[in-house]
Amino acid sequence: MKLMINHQTHYQYSENAKNSIQYIKMTPQSNAHQQVLSWAVSVPGHTQSQLDSFQNVWLTSTQRYSYQNLTIMAQGIVEINPQSRYAIETDLHPLLFLQLTPSTLCNAEMKAFAAHYVPHISYRNLQRLSEALLVHMPYISYSTVVSTTAIEAFEHRQGVCQDHSHVFIAMCKSLGIPARYASGYLYVPDSSHLASHAWAEFYLDGFWYSFDISNQLYAPSSHIYVAIGRDYWDVAPVRGVREKGGIESMSSIVQVLPC
């Protein structure tokens, strides 16, 4: 299935900003699940490309001149395999994804929740855990922020795809199961305006499995991979620093359409 993606992020500043550096992870790569037929990221300034520690494409854009508006645009065509059963494989050792991060810590209540639904480790029990998580913390748009941790989201009993992924990853790690955070896009028929998406993946019996807790999807059949990491901060689409600029406002639009 061929999909066309248009991802635009607009920044506006109350004062002139200058001497900025943007770190951009908005470039998918071809793998066993998807083939990138064309892709381009447009951003003002001087841009360099490299791979990060998780083998994601990492663009660095530097700008010296003053500005009050900034637009980053990623566009392209990706062909995905709707029959994909497993998540993508990488050269990274699965045990790397047992490493804890501040966003994926697990408290006693979360550990008890995980142990209740996963009395012994199996794919079906992890699926039961995924189902229970969505009941415990339903998807509510704008209910959290990017800095919300797994513990905070679980305690608030609500969240978005980032939170569902962080909580599931934290619980998997508490059970001794390597788990990672995946970011990208999700295609849903009859819907053209979608936010960029996130889901969780875990390693079991020699394979990586994809669990989209927010949508209760258990294979990456409708997903486009952009980056993987331990948590959101490893795969954030845009991060950066700047000099001055005052108050920043940001808006984003993502279109995923069949072609």
Protein backbone atom coordinates (compact mmCIF):
# COMPACT_ATOMS: atom_id res chain seq x y z
CA MET A 1 0.00 0.00 0.00
CA LYS A 2 1.48 3.35 -1.08
CA LEU A 3 0.92 6.29 1.23
CA MET A 4 1.66 9.97 0.75
CA ILE A 5 2.67 11.89 3.86
CA ASN A 6 2.66 15.65 4.35
CA HIS A 7 3.92 16.76 7.76
CA GLN A 8 4.21 20.48 8.46
CA THR A 9 5.29 22.09 11.72
CA HIS A 10 5.02 25.86 12.12
CA TYR A 11 6.72 27.92 14.83
CA GLN A 12 5.98 31.56 15.59
CA TYR A 13 7.87 33.80 18.03
CA SER A 14 6.79 36.98 19.79
CA GLU A 15 10.26 38.46 19.26
CA ASN A 16 13.05 37.92 16.78
CA ALA A 17 14.93 34.66 17.29
CA LYS A 18 18.43 33.94 16.01
CA ASN A 19 21.39 31.57 16.27
CA SER A 20 19.13 28.54 16.46
CA ILE A 21 19.92 24.84 16.14
CA GLN A 22 17.14 22.37 15.28
CA TYR A 23 17.47 18.61 15.73
CA ILE A 24 15.01 16.93 13.38
CA LYS A 25 13.95 13.27 13.25
CA MET A 26 11.31 13.23 10.52
CA THR A 27 12.93 10.93 7.94
CA PRO A 28 11.72 7.33 7.55
CA GLN A 29 14.03 4.61 6.24
CA SER A 30 13.38 1.56 4.10
CA ASN A 31 13.20 -1.77 5.93
CA ALA A 32 11.41 -5.13 5.73
CA HIS A 33 8.07 -3.45 6.46
CA GLN A 34 8.29 -0.33 4.30
CA GLN A 35 10.00 1.11 1.26
CA VAL A 36 10.63 4.84 1.08
CA LEU A 37 9.98 5.79 -2.55
CA SER A 38 10.64 9.50 -2.09
CA TRP A 39 11.21 11.80 0.87
CA ALA A 40 12.38 15.33 1.53
CA VAL A 41 12.64 17.52 4.61
CA SER A 42 12.57 21.27 3.99
CA VAL A 43 13.92 23.57 6.69
CA PRO A 44 15.67 26.94 6.46
CA GLY A 45 19.36 27.17 7.25
CA HIS A 46 22.34 24.87 6.83
CA THR A 47 21.47 21.18 7.27
CA GLN A 48 23.61 18.13 8.04
CA SER A 49 22.45 14.50 8.16
CA GLN A 50 23.72 11.63 10.30
CA LEU A 51 22.50 8.55 12.16
CA ASP A 52 21.92 8.69 15.89
CA SER A 53 22.72 5.96 18.42
CA PHE A 54 19.49 4.13 17.53
CA GLN A 55 20.18 4.28 13.76
CA ASN A 56 17.53 6.95 13.15
CA VAL A 57 18.16 9.66 10.56
CA TRP A 58 19.03 12.83 12.46
CA LEU A 59 19.08 16.19 10.68
CA THR A 60 20.79 19.17 12.28
CA SER A 61 19.77 22.60 10.97
CA THR A 62 21.60 25.77 12.00
CA GLN A 63 20.43 29.34 11.38
CA ARG A 64 22.34 32.53 12.16
CA TYR A 65 19.92 35.16 10.88
CA SER A 66 16.93 36.63 12.74
CA TYR A 67 13.41 35.33 12.18
CA GLN A 68 9.97 35.27 13.78
CA ASN A 69 8.47 32.38 11.82
CA LEU A 70 9.87 28.94 11.05
CA THR A 71 8.33 26.10 9.04
CA ILE A 72 9.67 22.54 8.87
CA MET A 73 8.08 20.43 6.15
CA ALA A 74 8.51 16.70 5.55
CA GLN A 75 6.90 15.12 2.50
CA GLY A 76 7.17 11.86 0.64
CA ILE A 77 5.73 8.55 -0.48
CA VAL A 78 6.20 5.32 1.46
CA GLU A 79 4.97 1.86 0.50
CA ILE A 80 4.11 -0.35 3.48
CA ASN A 81 3.32 -4.05 3.78
CA PRO A 82 -0.18 -4.42 5.29
CA GLN A 83 0.60 -8.09 6.00
CA SER A 84 3.50 -7.34 8.36
CA ARG A 85 3.17 -9.48 11.47
CA TYR A 86 6.31 -8.51 13.34
CA ALA A 87 7.94 -5.19 14.14
CA ILE A 88 11.13 -4.23 12.32
CA GLU A 89 14.50 -5.71 13.25
CA THR A 90 17.63 -3.63 13.82
CA ASP A 91 21.27 -4.36 14.66
CA LEU A 92 20.76 -3.07 18.19
CA HIS A 93 20.86 -5.64 20.98
CA PRO A 94 17.42 -6.09 22.58
CA LEU A 95 18.89 -5.78 26.09
CA LEU A 96 19.61 -2.13 25.33
CA PHE A 97 15.87 -1.59 25.67
CA LEU A 98 15.80 -2.72 29.27
CA GLN A 99 17.51 0.55 30.19
CA LEU A 100 15.31 2.81 32.31
CA THR A 101 14.72 6.46 31.52
CA PRO A 102 13.00 9.16 33.59
CA SER A 103 9.93 8.89 31.34
CA THR A 104 9.62 5.10 31.70
CA LEU A 105 10.05 4.50 35.42
CA CYS A 106 7.58 2.16 37.12
CA ASN A 107 6.21 2.62 40.66
CA ALA A 108 4.80 -0.05 42.96
CA GLU A 109 1.21 0.46 41.78
CA MET A 110 2.22 0.04 38.14
CA LYS A 111 4.25 -3.08 38.93
CA ALA A 112 1.26 -4.62 40.72
CA PHE A 113 -1.00 -3.74 37.77
CA ALA A 114 1.40 -5.43 35.34
CA ALA A 115 1.82 -8.51 37.53
CA HIS A 116 -1.95 -8.93 37.78
CA TYR A 117 -2.43 -9.13 34.01
CA VAL A 118 0.87 -10.88 33.29
CA PRO A 119 1.19 -13.62 35.95
CA HIS A 120 3.55 -15.33 33.51
CA ILE A 121 5.12 -13.85 30.40
CA SER A 122 3.29 -14.66 27.19
CA TYR A 123 2.09 -12.77 24.13
CA ARG A 124 -1.56 -13.20 25.15
CA ASN A 125 -0.96 -11.89 28.67
CA LEU A 126 0.84 -8.84 27.31
CA GLN A 127 -2.14 -8.29 25.03
CA ARG A 128 -4.40 -8.47 28.09
CA LEU A 129 -2.19 -5.86 29.74
CA SER A 130 -2.55 -3.61 26.69
CA GLU A 131 -6.33 -3.94 26.77
CA ALA A 132 -6.47 -3.20 30.50
CA LEU A 133 -4.26 -0.12 30.12
CA LEU A 134 -6.63 1.50 27.65
CA VAL A 135 -9.51 0.92 30.07
CA HIS A 136 -7.51 2.28 33.01
CA MET A 137 -6.28 5.36 31.11
CA PRO A 138 -8.51 6.13 28.10
CA TYR A 139 -7.24 8.23 25.22
CA ILE A 140 -8.07 11.90 25.84
CA SER A 141 -6.55 14.48 23.50
CA TYR A 142 -4.42 17.20 25.08
CA SER A 143 -4.74 15.60 28.53
CA THR A 144 -0.96 15.49 29.00
CA VAL A 145 2.18 17.23 27.75
CA VAL A 146 5.39 15.86 26.26
CA SER A 147 7.13 15.99 29.64
CA THR A 148 4.47 13.82 31.35
CA THR A 149 6.08 10.65 32.70
CA ALA A 150 4.66 7.14 32.72
CA ILE A 151 4.05 7.34 36.47
CA GLU A 152 2.18 10.65 36.15
CA ALA A 153 0.02 9.45 33.24
CA PHE A 154 -0.88 6.22 35.03
CA GLU A 155 -1.83 8.13 38.18
CA HIS A 156 -3.96 10.62 36.20
CA ARG A 157 -5.72 7.68 34.46
CA GLN A 158 -5.71 9.32 31.04
CA GLY A 159 -3.35 10.14 28.22
CA VAL A 160 -2.47 10.03 24.54
CA CYS A 161 -0.43 7.62 22.44
CA GLN A 162 2.85 8.84 23.96
CA ASP A 163 1.58 8.09 27.46
CA HIS A 164 0.15 4.68 26.58
CA SER A 165 3.50 3.76 25.04
CA HIS A 166 5.53 5.03 27.98
CA VAL A 167 3.39 3.19 30.55
CA PHE A 168 3.41 -0.08 28.61
CA ILE A 169 7.17 0.15 28.08
CA ALA A 170 7.73 0.85 31.78
CA MET A 171 5.65 -2.17 32.76
CA CYS A 172 7.39 -4.44 30.26
CA LYS A 173 10.78 -3.44 31.65
CA SER A 174 9.54 -4.13 35.18
CA LEU A 175 8.75 -7.66 33.97
CA GLY A 176 12.21 -8.04 32.44
CA ILE A 177 10.98 -7.68 28.86
CA PRO A 178 12.93 -5.39 26.50
CA ALA A 179 10.61 -2.70 25.17
CA ARG A 180 11.08 0.30 22.90
CA TYR A 181 9.26 3.41 21.71
CA ALA A 182 8.39 3.81 18.02
CA SER A 183 7.32 7.02 16.32
CA GLY A 184 5.90 7.61 12.88
CA TYR A 185 2.55 7.84 11.16
CA LEU A 186 -0.66 5.84 11.19
CA TYR A 187 -2.94 5.50 8.18
CA VAL A 188 -6.65 5.30 8.93
CA PRO A 189 -9.05 5.03 5.95
CA ASP A 190 -11.44 7.95 5.47
CA SER A 191 -9.32 10.21 7.67
CA SER A 192 -6.77 12.58 6.16
CA HIS A 193 -5.81 14.72 9.16
CA LEU A 194 -3.86 12.74 11.73
CA ALA A 195 -1.28 13.64 14.32
CA SER A 196 2.06 11.93 14.14
CA HIS A 197 1.79 8.72 16.08
CA ALA A 198 3.62 6.63 18.66
CA TRP A 199 3.37 3.00 19.74
CA ALA A 200 5.23 0.48 21.88
CA GLU A 201 7.19 -2.62 20.87
CA PHE A 202 8.58 -5.49 22.94
CA TYR A 203 11.00 -8.35 22.37
CA LEU A 204 9.79 -11.88 23.08
CA ASP A 205 11.01 -15.30 21.92
CA GLY A 206 13.37 -13.87 19.32
CA PHE A 207 10.97 -11.38 17.69
CA TRP A 208 9.96 -7.75 18.10
CA TYR A 209 6.20 -7.22 18.38
CA SER A 210 4.29 -4.00 17.81
CA PHE A 211 1.52 -2.96 20.24
CA ASP A 212 -0.41 0.21 19.43
CA ILE A 213 -2.21 0.54 22.76
CA SER A 214 -4.21 3.65 21.80
CA ASN A 215 -5.82 1.88 18.84
CA GLN A 216 -5.53 -1.72 20.06
CA LEU A 217 -3.59 -2.73 16.95
CA TYR A 218 -1.15 -5.60 17.35
CA ALA A 219 0.81 -5.45 14.11
CA PRO A 220 2.36 -2.52 12.20
CA SER A 221 0.07 -3.11 9.23
CA SER A 222 -1.02 0.55 9.00
CA HIS A 223 2.08 2.18 10.47
CA ILE A 224 5.01 4.03 8.96
CA TYR A 225 8.19 3.93 11.03
CA VAL A 226 10.22 7.12 11.41
CA ALA A 227 12.31 6.47 14.52
CA ILE A 228 12.77 4.10 17.46
CA GLY A 229 14.28 4.68 20.90
CA ARG A 230 13.85 4.12 24.60
CA ASP A 231 11.20 6.84 24.99
CA TYR A 232 9.79 9.97 23.35
CA TRP A 233 12.93 12.00 23.97
CA ASP A 234 15.02 9.62 21.85
CA VAL A 235 12.72 10.10 18.85
CA ALA A 236 11.25 13.61 19.25
CA PRO A 237 10.49 14.96 15.75
CA VAL A 238 11.93 18.40 16.53
CA ARG A 239 14.10 19.63 19.39
CA GLY A 240 16.28 22.67 19.46
CA VAL A 241 17.82 25.71 21.10
CA ARG A 242 17.77 29.37 20.09
CA GLU A 243 18.83 32.80 21.17
CA LYS A 244 15.98 35.14 22.17
CA GLY A 245 12.60 34.76 20.43
CA GLY A 246 10.33 35.52 23.37
CA ILE A 247 7.22 33.34 23.56
CA GLU A 248 7.04 30.40 21.16
CA SER A 249 3.82 29.02 19.67
CA MET A 250 3.67 25.87 17.58
CA SER A 251 1.12 24.23 15.29
CA SER A 252 1.37 21.05 13.28
CA ILE A 253 -0.60 19.22 10.63
CA VAL A 254 -0.10 15.71 9.30
CA GLN A 255 -1.82 14.20 6.28
CA VAL A 256 -1.53 10.51 5.42
CA LEU A 257 -3.29 9.64 2.18
CA PRO A 258 -3.34 6.63 -0.14
CA CYS A 259 -1.84 7.15 -3.57
